[in-house]
Amino acid sequence: MAKKHWLLGLMLLAGAAWALQKAAPLRGAWIPDEVAPGVYVIHGPTELPSPSNQGFMNNPAFIVNDAGVVVVDPGSSVQVGEMVLARIEQVTDKPILAVFNSHIHGDHWLGNQAIRAKYPDVPIYGHERVGPRIVAGAGTEWVQMLLRMTENATAGTEVVKPDHPVKDGDEIAIGGVTYAVMNNGKAHTDTDIMLHAQEIGVMFLGDNAGHGRILRLEGGSFAGNIDALENALASDATVFVPGHGPTGGREVAERYRDYLSNVFETAKQAVDEGLSDFEMRPLLEPKLGPWEKWAGFDIELGKHINTAFLEAEAAAF
């Protein structure tokens, strides 16, 4: 009997060790696009995390200048973070000076682990509400969710949170570029920062905008997200990097603002007319032709209708 228990314990230990093993590196070439002089974006897939994309779905970016490299949103896993490091090293041998995380969702920041492993002292900036929430459990939830959705393709990923909190109005000068932090309370989440790289005219929108992808808005605000995009458009930026989908000009922010505005204005109309949220849908769908082919449209629209209706209803009282 003792031998049987010993063997069972050994099998459990072996199983636990296997579960902790690091998964395979990220597949695919993933060539960075130079969207402005010295500014590169690795445009990830627009679908949800899956075994086929190994959890990679966001737009990691990096800015190279004479002093070094700044990274924005290094991705959803240690594997994605290592891919980002490898692509940076193909462009430059300069060191990484800083990392920015745009918000609480782990598909944007779990790649911190890979960068911190190579650069132990690198500062990682994020909104002042992000770090405490990661510690309170959001980080572990994201690790576990990505493991489930990718069938363990992100195994080996550990939580490395931002350690330099920032807030709206902060300006951080790194390597001759001033990164202006923009946050207007609640937009995609209540932890979003947009980054305006002032001297180079680039706006990193985070998930305040997708381009070719409709994003979830759970715990966020339609009105706040619209305001955030209006604030971004009021800047002198000429290049706009979305959290998901292709980079472009002002149209990136404008198209997503217009989608959100159509949904929210229709919700307000429905509330004013005494309609329910399901009665709002026939009013809304004819307005959404430009976005109906975007990734995530069918998944998110029903949830967006409900969220927008509740927000419009609350605003009316």
C-alpha atoms as a PDB file:
ATOM      1  CA  MET A   1       0.000   0.000   0.000  1.00  0.00           C
ATOM      2  CA  ALA A   2       2.830   2.400   0.878  1.00  0.00           C
ATOM      3  CA  LYS A   3       4.463   1.666  -2.481  1.00  0.00           C
ATOM      4  CA  LYS A   4       1.171   2.404  -4.235  1.00  0.00           C
ATOM      5  CA  HIS A   5       0.876   5.794  -2.481  1.00  0.00           C
ATOM      6  CA  TRP A   6       4.506   6.569  -3.301  1.00  0.00           C
ATOM      7  CA  LEU A   7       3.920   5.824  -6.989  1.00  0.00           C
ATOM      8  CA  LEU A   8       0.751   7.925  -7.018  1.00  0.00           C
ATOM      9  CA  GLY A   9       2.600  10.840  -5.454  1.00  0.00           C
ATOM     10  CA  LEU A  10       5.385  10.521  -8.008  1.00  0.00           C
ATOM     11  CA  MET A  11       2.853  10.535 -10.843  1.00  0.00           C
ATOM     12  CA  LEU A  12       1.164  13.655  -9.440  1.00  0.00           C
ATOM     13  CA  LEU A  13       4.503  15.434  -9.123  1.00  0.00           C
ATOM     14  CA  ALA A  14       5.394  14.480 -12.684  1.00  0.00           C
ATOM     15  CA  GLY A  15       2.037  15.764 -13.885  1.00  0.00           C
ATOM     16  CA  ALA A  16       2.514  19.052 -12.040  1.00  0.00           C
ATOM     17  CA  ALA A  17       6.005  19.444 -13.484  1.00  0.00           C
ATOM     18  CA  TRP A  18       4.682  18.809 -17.003  1.00  0.00           C
ATOM     19  CA  ALA A  19       1.966  21.439 -16.511  1.00  0.00           C
ATOM     20  CA  LEU A  20       4.610  23.995 -15.559  1.00  0.00           C
ATOM     21  CA  GLN A  21       6.833  23.272 -18.545  1.00  0.00           C
ATOM     22  CA  LYS A  22       7.262  26.116 -20.964  1.00  0.00           C
ATOM     23  CA  ALA A  23       5.325  25.759 -24.199  1.00  0.00           C
ATOM     24  CA  ALA A  24       6.896  25.958 -27.649  1.00  0.00           C
ATOM     25  CA  PRO A  25       8.061  29.279 -29.122  1.00  0.00           C
ATOM     26  CA  LEU A  26       5.645  31.346 -31.162  1.00  0.00           C
ATOM     27  CA  ARG A  27       5.258  30.158 -34.740  1.00  0.00           C
ATOM     28  CA  GLY A  28       5.335  32.502 -37.706  1.00  0.00           C
ATOM     29  CA  ALA A  29       7.656  35.156 -39.092  1.00  0.00           C
ATOM     30  CA  TRP A  30       5.742  38.160 -37.677  1.00  0.00           C
ATOM     31  CA  ILE A  31       7.703  40.878 -39.443  1.00  0.00           C
ATOM     32  CA  PRO A  32       7.519  44.345 -37.812  1.00  0.00           C
ATOM     33  CA  ASP A  33       6.008  47.111 -39.927  1.00  0.00           C
ATOM     34  CA  GLU A  34       7.771  50.491 -39.751  1.00  0.00           C
ATOM     35  CA  VAL A  35       4.745  52.786 -39.391  1.00  0.00           C
ATOM     36  CA  ALA A  36       6.796  55.964 -38.823  1.00  0.00           C
ATOM     37  CA  PRO A  37      10.569  56.594 -38.775  1.00  0.00           C
ATOM     38  CA  GLY A  38      11.948  54.358 -36.021  1.00  0.00           C
ATOM     39  CA  VAL A  39       8.481  53.171 -34.946  1.00  0.00           C
ATOM     40  CA  TYR A  40       7.625  49.516 -35.517  1.00  0.00           C
ATOM     41  CA  VAL A  41       4.402  47.566 -34.949  1.00  0.00           C
ATOM     42  CA  ILE A  42       4.082  43.781 -35.048  1.00  0.00           C
ATOM     43  CA  HIS A  43       0.474  43.483 -36.172  1.00  0.00           C
ATOM     44  CA  GLY A  44      -0.953  40.370 -34.568  1.00  0.00           C
ATOM     45  CA  PRO A  45      -3.938  38.242 -35.590  1.00  0.00           C
ATOM     46  CA  THR A  46      -7.369  39.787 -35.105  1.00  0.00           C
ATOM     47  CA  GLU A  47      -9.075  36.627 -33.842  1.00  0.00           C
ATOM     48  CA  LEU A  48      -9.415  35.547 -30.214  1.00  0.00           C
ATOM     49  CA  PRO A  49      -6.645  33.509 -28.528  1.00  0.00           C
ATOM     50  CA  SER A  50      -6.585  29.930 -29.789  1.00  0.00           C
ATOM     51  CA  PRO A  51      -4.194  26.984 -30.163  1.00  0.00           C
ATOM     52  CA  SER A  52      -3.499  28.027 -33.762  1.00  0.00           C
ATOM     53  CA  ASN A  53      -2.357  31.570 -32.905  1.00  0.00           C
ATOM     54  CA  GLN A  54      -0.824  30.457 -29.557  1.00  0.00           C
ATOM     55  CA  GLY A  55      -2.570  33.353 -27.842  1.00  0.00           C
ATOM     56  CA  PHE A  56      -0.976  36.094 -29.932  1.00  0.00           C
ATOM     57  CA  MET A  57      -3.578  38.695 -30.871  1.00  0.00           C
ATOM     58  CA  ASN A  58      -2.417  42.237 -30.080  1.00  0.00           C
ATOM     59  CA  ASN A  59      -0.115  44.840 -31.657  1.00  0.00           C
ATOM     60  CA  PRO A  60       3.225  44.942 -29.824  1.00  0.00           C
ATOM     61  CA  ALA A  61       5.145  48.081 -30.797  1.00  0.00           C
ATOM     62  CA  PHE A  62       8.628  49.443 -30.282  1.00  0.00           C
ATOM     63  CA  ILE A  63      10.290  52.796 -30.828  1.00  0.00           C
ATOM     64  CA  VAL A  64      13.999  52.930 -31.674  1.00  0.00           C
ATOM     65  CA  ASN A  65      16.152  56.033 -31.293  1.00  0.00           C
ATOM     66  CA  ASP A  66      19.791  56.855 -30.571  1.00  0.00           C
ATOM     67  CA  ALA A  67      19.461  56.084 -26.856  1.00  0.00           C
ATOM     68  CA  GLY A  68      17.640  52.758 -27.059  1.00  0.00           C
ATOM     69  CA  VAL A  69      14.221  51.140 -27.406  1.00  0.00           C
ATOM     70  CA  VAL A  70      10.813  51.708 -25.816  1.00  0.00           C
ATOM     71  CA  VAL A  71       8.271  48.868 -26.012  1.00  0.00           C
ATOM     72  CA  VAL A  72       4.487  49.273 -25.934  1.00  0.00           C
ATOM     73  CA  ASP A  73       2.314  46.256 -25.032  1.00  0.00           C
ATOM     74  CA  PRO A  74       4.682  43.274 -25.413  1.00  0.00           C
ATOM     75  CA  GLY A  75       1.893  40.731 -25.780  1.00  0.00           C
ATOM     76  CA  SER A  76      -0.037  37.901 -24.178  1.00  0.00           C
ATOM     77  CA  SER A  77       2.604  35.424 -23.021  1.00  0.00           C
ATOM     78  CA  VAL A  78       6.272  34.832 -22.383  1.00  0.00           C
ATOM     79  CA  GLN A  79       6.419  33.308 -25.876  1.00  0.00           C
ATOM     80  CA  VAL A  80       5.044  36.479 -27.481  1.00  0.00           C
ATOM     81  CA  GLY A  81       7.419  38.595 -25.398  1.00  0.00           C
ATOM     82  CA  GLU A  82      10.387  36.531 -26.580  1.00  0.00           C
ATOM     83  CA  MET A  83       9.245  36.926 -30.175  1.00  0.00           C
ATOM     84  CA  VAL A  84       9.078  40.700 -29.660  1.00  0.00           C
ATOM     85  CA  LEU A  85      12.612  40.691 -28.241  1.00  0.00           C
ATOM     86  CA  ALA A  86      13.863  38.690 -31.226  1.00  0.00           C
ATOM     87  CA  ARG A  87      12.275  41.102 -33.702  1.00  0.00           C
ATOM     88  CA  ILE A  88      13.761  44.090 -31.891  1.00  0.00           C
ATOM     89  CA  GLU A  89      17.191  42.474 -32.065  1.00  0.00           C
ATOM     90  CA  GLN A  90      16.781  42.089 -35.830  1.00  0.00           C
ATOM     91  CA  VAL A  91      16.319  45.860 -36.070  1.00  0.00           C
ATOM     92  CA  THR A  92      18.820  47.151 -33.488  1.00  0.00           C
ATOM     93  CA  ASP A  93      21.322  46.083 -30.865  1.00  0.00           C
ATOM     94  CA  LYS A  94      20.366  48.996 -28.610  1.00  0.00           C
ATOM     95  CA  PRO A  95      18.983  48.151 -25.136  1.00  0.00           C
ATOM     96  CA  ILE A  96      15.373  48.372 -24.041  1.00  0.00           C
ATOM     97  CA  LEU A  97      14.926  51.467 -21.904  1.00  0.00           C
ATOM     98  CA  ALA A  98      11.269  51.192 -20.877  1.00  0.00           C
ATOM     99  CA  VAL A  99       8.012  49.316 -21.372  1.00  0.00           C
ATOM    100  CA  PHE A 100       4.471  50.703 -21.394  1.00  0.00           C
ATOM    101  CA  ASN A 101       1.331  48.616 -20.748  1.00  0.00           C
ATOM    102  CA  SER A 102      -1.863  50.177 -22.101  1.00  0.00           C
ATOM    103  CA  HIS A 103      -4.397  48.574 -19.720  1.00  0.00           C
ATOM    104  CA  ILE A 104      -5.328  45.672 -17.453  1.00  0.00           C
ATOM    105  CA  HIS A 105      -6.064  43.027 -20.108  1.00  0.00           C
ATOM    106  CA  GLY A 106      -3.309  40.439 -20.093  1.00  0.00           C
ATOM    107  CA  ASP A 107      -3.197  39.907 -23.848  1.00  0.00           C
ATOM    108  CA  HIS A 108      -1.283  43.206 -23.892  1.00  0.00           C
ATOM    109  CA  TRP A 109       1.145  42.871 -20.959  1.00  0.00           C
ATOM    110  CA  LEU A 110       1.928  39.250 -20.055  1.00  0.00           C
ATOM    111  CA  GLY A 111       4.914  39.510 -22.409  1.00  0.00           C
ATOM    112  CA  ASN A 112       6.507  41.705 -19.704  1.00  0.00           C
ATOM    113  CA  GLN A 113       8.005  38.511 -18.323  1.00  0.00           C
ATOM    114  CA  ALA A 114      10.354  37.986 -21.258  1.00  0.00           C
ATOM    115  CA  ILE A 115      11.600  41.569 -21.238  1.00  0.00           C
ATOM    116  CA  ARG A 116      12.115  41.651 -17.472  1.00  0.00           C
ATOM    117  CA  ALA A 117      14.091  38.396 -17.691  1.00  0.00           C
ATOM    118  CA  LYS A 118      16.577  39.999 -20.091  1.00  0.00           C
ATOM    119  CA  TYR A 119      16.454  43.508 -18.598  1.00  0.00           C
ATOM    120  CA  PRO A 120      15.907  43.067 -14.838  1.00  0.00           C
ATOM    121  CA  ASP A 121      15.894  46.795 -14.102  1.00  0.00           C
ATOM    122  CA  VAL A 122      13.727  48.010 -16.967  1.00  0.00           C
ATOM    123  CA  PRO A 123      10.860  50.252 -15.768  1.00  0.00           C
ATOM    124  CA  ILE A 124       7.408  49.044 -16.779  1.00  0.00           C
ATOM    125  CA  TYR A 125       4.798  51.808 -16.858  1.00  0.00           C
ATOM    126  CA  GLY A 126       1.059  51.306 -16.480  1.00  0.00           C
ATOM    127  CA  HIS A 127      -1.947  53.159 -15.129  1.00  0.00           C
ATOM    128  CA  GLU A 128      -1.921  53.516 -11.355  1.00  0.00           C
ATOM    129  CA  ARG A 129      -4.949  51.184 -11.032  1.00  0.00           C
ATOM    130  CA  VAL A 130      -3.386  48.324 -13.003  1.00  0.00           C
ATOM    131  CA  GLY A 131      -0.735  47.049 -10.580  1.00  0.00           C
ATOM    132  CA  PRO A 132      -3.041  46.636  -7.561  1.00  0.00           C
ATOM    133  CA  ARG A 133      -5.636  44.808  -9.641  1.00  0.00           C
ATOM    134  CA  ILE A 134      -3.064  42.433 -11.077  1.00  0.00           C
ATOM    135  CA  VAL A 135      -1.893  41.628  -7.559  1.00  0.00           C
ATOM    136  CA  ALA A 136      -5.518  41.181  -6.445  1.00  0.00           C
ATOM    137  CA  GLY A 137      -6.028  38.373  -8.959  1.00  0.00           C
ATOM    138  CA  ALA A 138      -6.487  39.806 -12.447  1.00  0.00           C
ATOM    139  CA  GLY A 139      -3.018  38.639 -13.488  1.00  0.00           C
ATOM    140  CA  THR A 140      -3.625  35.017 -12.461  1.00  0.00           C
ATOM    141  CA  GLU A 141      -7.047  35.074 -14.113  1.00  0.00           C
ATOM    142  CA  TRP A 142      -5.494  36.134 -17.411  1.00  0.00           C
ATOM    143  CA  VAL A 143      -2.768  33.486 -17.220  1.00  0.00           C
ATOM    144  CA  GLN A 144      -5.348  30.763 -16.593  1.00  0.00           C
ATOM    145  CA  MET A 145      -7.754  32.032 -19.249  1.00  0.00           C
ATOM    146  CA  LEU A 146      -5.062  32.065 -21.930  1.00  0.00           C
ATOM    147  CA  LEU A 147      -3.955  28.566 -20.964  1.00  0.00           C
ATOM    148  CA  ARG A 148      -7.544  27.338 -21.424  1.00  0.00           C
ATOM    149  CA  MET A 149      -8.157  29.169 -24.700  1.00  0.00           C
ATOM    150  CA  THR A 150      -4.850  28.078 -26.258  1.00  0.00           C
ATOM    151  CA  GLU A 151      -4.771  24.530 -24.851  1.00  0.00           C
ATOM    152  CA  ASN A 152      -1.609  25.365 -22.873  1.00  0.00           C
ATOM    153  CA  ALA A 153       0.243  27.058 -25.752  1.00  0.00           C
ATOM    154  CA  THR A 154       1.120  29.886 -23.302  1.00  0.00           C
ATOM    155  CA  ALA A 155       2.441  27.564 -20.571  1.00  0.00           C
ATOM    156  CA  GLY A 156       5.376  28.991 -18.660  1.00  0.00           C
ATOM    157  CA  THR A 157       3.943  32.510 -18.579  1.00  0.00           C
ATOM    158  CA  GLU A 158       4.199  34.248 -15.212  1.00  0.00           C
ATOM    159  CA  VAL A 159       2.756  37.516 -13.960  1.00  0.00           C
ATOM    160  CA  VAL A 160       5.120  40.505 -14.167  1.00  0.00           C
ATOM    161  CA  LYS A 161       3.103  43.628 -13.443  1.00  0.00           C
ATOM    162  CA  PRO A 162       3.891  47.266 -14.240  1.00  0.00           C
ATOM    163  CA  ASP A 163       5.987  48.769 -11.456  1.00  0.00           C
ATOM    164  CA  HIS A 164       5.918  52.460 -12.422  1.00  0.00           C
ATOM    165  CA  PRO A 165       2.371  53.851 -12.019  1.00  0.00           C
ATOM    166  CA  VAL A 166       1.265  56.739 -14.235  1.00  0.00           C
ATOM    167  CA  LYS A 167      -1.858  58.875 -14.584  1.00  0.00           C
ATOM    168  CA  ASP A 168      -3.438  61.322 -16.991  1.00  0.00           C
ATOM    169  CA  GLY A 169      -1.217  64.288 -17.762  1.00  0.00           C
ATOM    170  CA  ASP A 170       2.081  62.609 -16.926  1.00  0.00           C
ATOM    171  CA  GLU A 171       4.872  63.215 -19.420  1.00  0.00           C
ATOM    172  CA  ILE A 172       7.799  60.813 -19.508  1.00  0.00           C
ATOM    173  CA  ALA A 173      10.880  61.742 -21.530  1.00  0.00           C
ATOM    174  CA  ILE A 174      12.859  58.752 -22.772  1.00  0.00           C
ATOM    175  CA  GLY A 175      15.608  58.975 -25.362  1.00  0.00           C
ATOM    176  CA  GLY A 176      14.537  62.342 -26.688  1.00  0.00           C
ATOM    177  CA  VAL A 177      10.854  61.425 -27.061  1.00  0.00           C
ATOM    178  CA  THR A 178       8.163  62.692 -24.693  1.00  0.00           C
ATOM    179  CA  TYR A 179       5.425  60.154 -23.988  1.00  0.00           C
ATOM    180  CA  ALA A 180       2.288  62.020 -22.876  1.00  0.00           C
ATOM    181  CA  VAL A 181      -0.083  59.815 -20.868  1.00  0.00           C
ATOM    182  CA  MET A 182      -3.790  60.244 -21.617  1.00  0.00           C
ATOM    183  CA  ASN A 183      -6.567  58.782 -19.457  1.00  0.00           C
ATOM    184  CA  ASN A 184     -10.081  60.145 -19.056  1.00  0.00           C
ATOM    185  CA  GLY A 185     -11.399  57.936 -16.283  1.00  0.00           C
ATOM    186  CA  LYS A 186     -13.268  55.105 -17.976  1.00  0.00           C
ATOM    187  CA  ALA A 187     -13.100  54.141 -21.648  1.00  0.00           C
ATOM    188  CA  HIS A 188     -12.377  50.577 -22.844  1.00  0.00           C
ATOM    189  CA  THR A 189     -11.685  49.931 -19.142  1.00  0.00           C
ATOM    190  CA  ASP A 190     -10.954  52.280 -16.259  1.00  0.00           C
ATOM    191  CA  THR A 191      -7.239  51.523 -16.523  1.00  0.00           C
ATOM    192  CA  ASP A 192      -6.517  52.644 -20.109  1.00  0.00           C
ATOM    193  CA  ILE A 193      -3.642  54.860 -21.042  1.00  0.00           C
ATOM    194  CA  MET A 194      -3.133  56.210 -24.526  1.00  0.00           C
ATOM    195  CA  LEU A 195       0.405  57.346 -25.301  1.00  0.00           C
ATOM    196  CA  HIS A 196       1.156  60.324 -27.476  1.00  0.00           C
ATOM    197  CA  ALA A 197       4.781  60.149 -28.615  1.00  0.00           C
ATOM    198  CA  GLN A 198       4.874  63.864 -29.194  1.00  0.00           C
ATOM    199  CA  GLU A 199       8.034  64.520 -31.165  1.00  0.00           C
ATOM    200  CA  ILE A 200       7.290  61.736 -33.645  1.00  0.00           C
ATOM    201  CA  GLY A 201       3.529  62.274 -34.005  1.00  0.00           C
ATOM    202  CA  VAL A 202       2.422  58.762 -33.067  1.00  0.00           C
ATOM    203  CA  MET A 203      -0.597  57.927 -30.897  1.00  0.00           C
ATOM    204  CA  PHE A 204      -0.812  54.506 -29.250  1.00  0.00           C
ATOM    205  CA  LEU A 205      -4.531  54.008 -28.641  1.00  0.00           C
ATOM    206  CA  GLY A 206      -4.453  50.695 -26.784  1.00  0.00           C
ATOM    207  CA  ASP A 207      -7.832  48.994 -26.858  1.00  0.00           C
ATOM    208  CA  ASN A 208      -9.692  52.277 -26.994  1.00  0.00           C
ATOM    209  CA  ALA A 209      -9.800  51.384 -30.689  1.00  0.00           C
ATOM    210  CA  GLY A 210      -9.667  48.307 -32.834  1.00  0.00           C
ATOM    211  CA  HIS A 211      -9.268  48.601 -36.587  1.00  0.00           C
ATOM    212  CA  GLY A 212     -10.893  45.750 -38.446  1.00  0.00           C
ATOM    213  CA  ARG A 213     -11.789  44.278 -35.049  1.00  0.00           C
ATOM    214  CA  ILE A 214     -14.641  45.056 -32.648  1.00  0.00           C
ATOM    215  CA  LEU A 215     -13.449  44.910 -29.045  1.00  0.00           C
ATOM    216  CA  ARG A 216     -15.275  43.963 -25.885  1.00  0.00           C
ATOM    217  CA  LEU A 217     -16.395  46.731 -23.556  1.00  0.00           C
ATOM    218  CA  GLU A 218     -17.049  44.931 -20.285  1.00  0.00           C
ATOM    219  CA  GLY A 219     -16.583  47.292 -17.365  1.00  0.00           C
ATOM    220  CA  GLY A 220     -15.900  50.200 -19.697  1.00  0.00           C
ATOM    221  CA  SER A 221     -18.013  53.100 -20.964  1.00  0.00           C
ATOM    222  CA  PHE A 222     -19.320  53.999 -24.395  1.00  0.00           C
ATOM    223  CA  ALA A 223     -19.355  57.701 -23.550  1.00  0.00           C
ATOM    224  CA  GLY A 224     -15.879  57.515 -22.025  1.00  0.00           C
ATOM    225  CA  ASN A 225     -14.442  55.546 -24.936  1.00  0.00           C
ATOM    226  CA  ILE A 226     -15.865  58.054 -27.413  1.00  0.00           C
ATOM    227  CA  ASP A 227     -14.364  60.901 -25.351  1.00  0.00           C
ATOM    228  CA  ALA A 228     -10.978  59.158 -25.283  1.00  0.00           C
ATOM    229  CA  LEU A 229     -10.923  58.897 -29.056  1.00  0.00           C
ATOM    230  CA  GLU A 230     -11.992  62.519 -29.424  1.00  0.00           C
ATOM    231  CA  ASN A 231      -9.085  63.473 -27.165  1.00  0.00           C
ATOM    232  CA  ALA A 232      -6.692  61.447 -29.310  1.00  0.00           C
ATOM    233  CA  LEU A 233      -8.024  63.095 -32.472  1.00  0.00           C
ATOM    234  CA  ALA A 234      -7.579  66.551 -30.904  1.00  0.00           C
ATOM    235  CA  SER A 235      -3.823  65.931 -30.726  1.00  0.00           C
ATOM    236  CA  ASP A 236      -1.409  66.631 -33.557  1.00  0.00           C
ATOM    237  CA  ALA A 237      -0.645  62.928 -34.025  1.00  0.00           C
ATOM    238  CA  THR A 238      -0.629  61.700 -37.610  1.00  0.00           C
ATOM    239  CA  VAL A 239      -0.085  57.967 -37.022  1.00  0.00           C
ATOM    240  CA  PHE A 240      -2.589  56.025 -34.896  1.00  0.00           C
ATOM    241  CA  VAL A 241      -1.773  52.539 -33.586  1.00  0.00           C
ATOM    242  CA  PRO A 242      -4.835  50.534 -32.467  1.00  0.00           C
ATOM    243  CA  GLY A 243      -4.730  47.756 -29.907  1.00  0.00           C
ATOM    244  CA  HIS A 244      -5.751  45.278 -32.615  1.00  0.00           C
ATOM    245  CA  GLY A 245      -5.719  45.582 -36.393  1.00  0.00           C
ATOM    246  CA  PRO A 246      -3.744  47.660 -38.889  1.00  0.00           C
ATOM    247  CA  THR A 247      -2.112  50.986 -38.055  1.00  0.00           C
ATOM    248  CA  GLY A 248      -3.119  54.039 -40.070  1.00  0.00           C
ATOM    249  CA  GLY A 249      -3.911  57.723 -39.868  1.00  0.00           C
ATOM    250  CA  ARG A 250      -6.751  59.558 -38.172  1.00  0.00           C
ATOM    251  CA  GLU A 251      -9.251  57.164 -39.733  1.00  0.00           C
ATOM    252  CA  VAL A 252      -8.239  54.493 -37.196  1.00  0.00           C
ATOM    253  CA  ALA A 253      -9.663  56.523 -34.306  1.00  0.00           C
ATOM    254  CA  GLU A 254     -12.481  57.997 -36.373  1.00  0.00           C
ATOM    255  CA  ARG A 255     -13.877  54.663 -37.566  1.00  0.00           C
ATOM    256  CA  TYR A 256     -13.970  53.151 -34.101  1.00  0.00           C
ATOM    257  CA  ARG A 257     -15.413  56.339 -32.598  1.00  0.00           C
ATOM    258  CA  ASP A 258     -18.146  56.250 -35.240  1.00  0.00           C
ATOM    259  CA  TYR A 259     -18.992  52.626 -34.458  1.00  0.00           C
ATOM    260  CA  LEU A 260     -19.279  53.384 -30.745  1.00  0.00           C
ATOM    261  CA  SER A 261     -21.294  56.542 -31.434  1.00  0.00           C
ATOM    262  CA  ASN A 262     -23.785  54.688 -33.630  1.00  0.00           C
ATOM    263  CA  VAL A 263     -24.382  52.092 -30.937  1.00  0.00           C
ATOM    264  CA  PHE A 264     -24.614  54.584 -28.074  1.00  0.00           C
ATOM    265  CA  GLU A 265     -26.761  57.173 -29.847  1.00  0.00           C
ATOM    266  CA  THR A 266     -29.200  54.446 -30.880  1.00  0.00           C
ATOM    267  CA  ALA A 267     -29.306  53.214 -27.289  1.00  0.00           C
ATOM    268  CA  LYS A 268     -30.149  56.724 -26.105  1.00  0.00           C
ATOM    269  CA  GLN A 269     -32.860  56.944 -28.768  1.00  0.00           C
ATOM    270  CA  ALA A 270     -34.326  53.634 -27.614  1.00  0.00           C
ATOM    271  CA  VAL A 271     -34.383  54.772 -23.987  1.00  0.00           C
ATOM    272  CA  ASP A 272     -36.032  58.058 -24.969  1.00  0.00           C
ATOM    273  CA  GLU A 273     -38.717  56.191 -26.920  1.00  0.00           C
ATOM    274  CA  GLY A 274     -39.380  53.703 -24.130  1.00  0.00           C
ATOM    275  CA  LEU A 275     -38.053  50.729 -26.081  1.00  0.00           C
ATOM    276  CA  SER A 276     -36.206  47.730 -24.648  1.00  0.00           C
ATOM    277  CA  ASP A 277     -32.679  46.730 -25.584  1.00  0.00           C
ATOM    278  CA  PHE A 278     -33.868  43.932 -27.903  1.00  0.00           C
ATOM    279  CA  GLU A 279     -36.200  46.395 -29.648  1.00  0.00           C
ATOM    280  CA  MET A 280     -33.169  48.615 -30.226  1.00  0.00           C
ATOM    281  CA  ARG A 281     -31.421  46.085 -32.452  1.00  0.00           C
ATOM    282  CA  PRO A 282     -33.581  46.591 -35.584  1.00  0.00           C
ATOM    283  CA  LEU A 283     -32.936  50.336 -35.302  1.00  0.00           C
ATOM    284  CA  LEU A 284     -29.183  49.815 -34.998  1.00  0.00           C
ATOM    285  CA  GLU A 285     -28.262  47.094 -37.472  1.00  0.00           C
ATOM    286  CA  PRO A 286     -28.911  49.160 -40.661  1.00  0.00           C
ATOM    287  CA  LYS A 287     -26.379  51.718 -39.388  1.00  0.00           C
ATOM    288  CA  LEU A 288     -23.543  49.228 -38.933  1.00  0.00           C
ATOM    289  CA  GLY A 289     -22.773  48.148 -42.490  1.00  0.00           C
ATOM    290  CA  PRO A 290     -19.187  49.525 -42.442  1.00  0.00           C
ATOM    291  CA  TRP A 291     -18.311  47.296 -39.477  1.00  0.00           C
ATOM    292  CA  GLU A 292     -20.312  44.102 -40.028  1.00  0.00           C
ATOM    293  CA  LYS A 293     -17.340  42.277 -41.598  1.00  0.00           C
ATOM    294  CA  TRP A 294     -14.929  43.233 -38.821  1.00  0.00           C
ATOM    295  CA  ALA A 295     -13.598  40.425 -36.619  1.00  0.00           C
ATOM    296  CA  GLY A 296     -15.573  40.120 -33.399  1.00  0.00           C
ATOM    297  CA  PHE A 297     -18.676  41.889 -34.744  1.00  0.00           C
ATOM    298  CA  ASP A 298     -21.019  38.919 -34.321  1.00  0.00           C
ATOM    299  CA  ILE A 299     -19.538  38.042 -30.923  1.00  0.00           C
ATOM    300  CA  GLU A 300     -19.634  41.511 -29.398  1.00  0.00           C
ATOM    301  CA  LEU A 301     -22.669  43.247 -30.893  1.00  0.00           C
ATOM    302  CA  GLY A 302     -25.263  41.709 -28.593  1.00  0.00           C
ATOM    303  CA  LYS A 303     -23.171  42.512 -25.530  1.00  0.00           C
ATOM    304  CA  HIS A 304     -22.540  46.039 -26.800  1.00  0.00           C
ATOM    305  CA  ILE A 305     -26.269  46.629 -27.271  1.00  0.00           C
ATOM    306  CA  ASN A 306     -26.954  45.554 -23.693  1.00  0.00           C
ATOM    307  CA  THR A 307     -24.071  47.595 -22.256  1.00  0.00           C
ATOM    308  CA  ALA A 308     -24.948  50.716 -24.255  1.00  0.00           C
ATOM    309  CA  PHE A 309     -28.622  50.457 -23.317  1.00  0.00           C
ATOM    310  CA  LEU A 310     -27.850  50.166 -19.599  1.00  0.00           C
ATOM    311  CA  GLU A 311     -25.434  53.105 -19.808  1.00  0.00           C
ATOM    312  CA  ALA A 312     -27.954  55.230 -21.702  1.00  0.00           C
ATOM    313  CA  GLU A 313     -30.685  54.257 -19.240  1.00  0.00           C
ATOM    314  CA  ALA A 314     -28.502  55.227 -16.277  1.00  0.00           C
ATOM    315  CA  ALA A 315     -27.614  58.549 -17.920  1.00  0.00           C
ATOM    316  CA  ALA A 316     -31.300  59.347 -18.366  1.00  0.00           C
ATOM    317  CA  PHE A 317     -32.028  59.240 -14.625  1.00  0.00           C
END
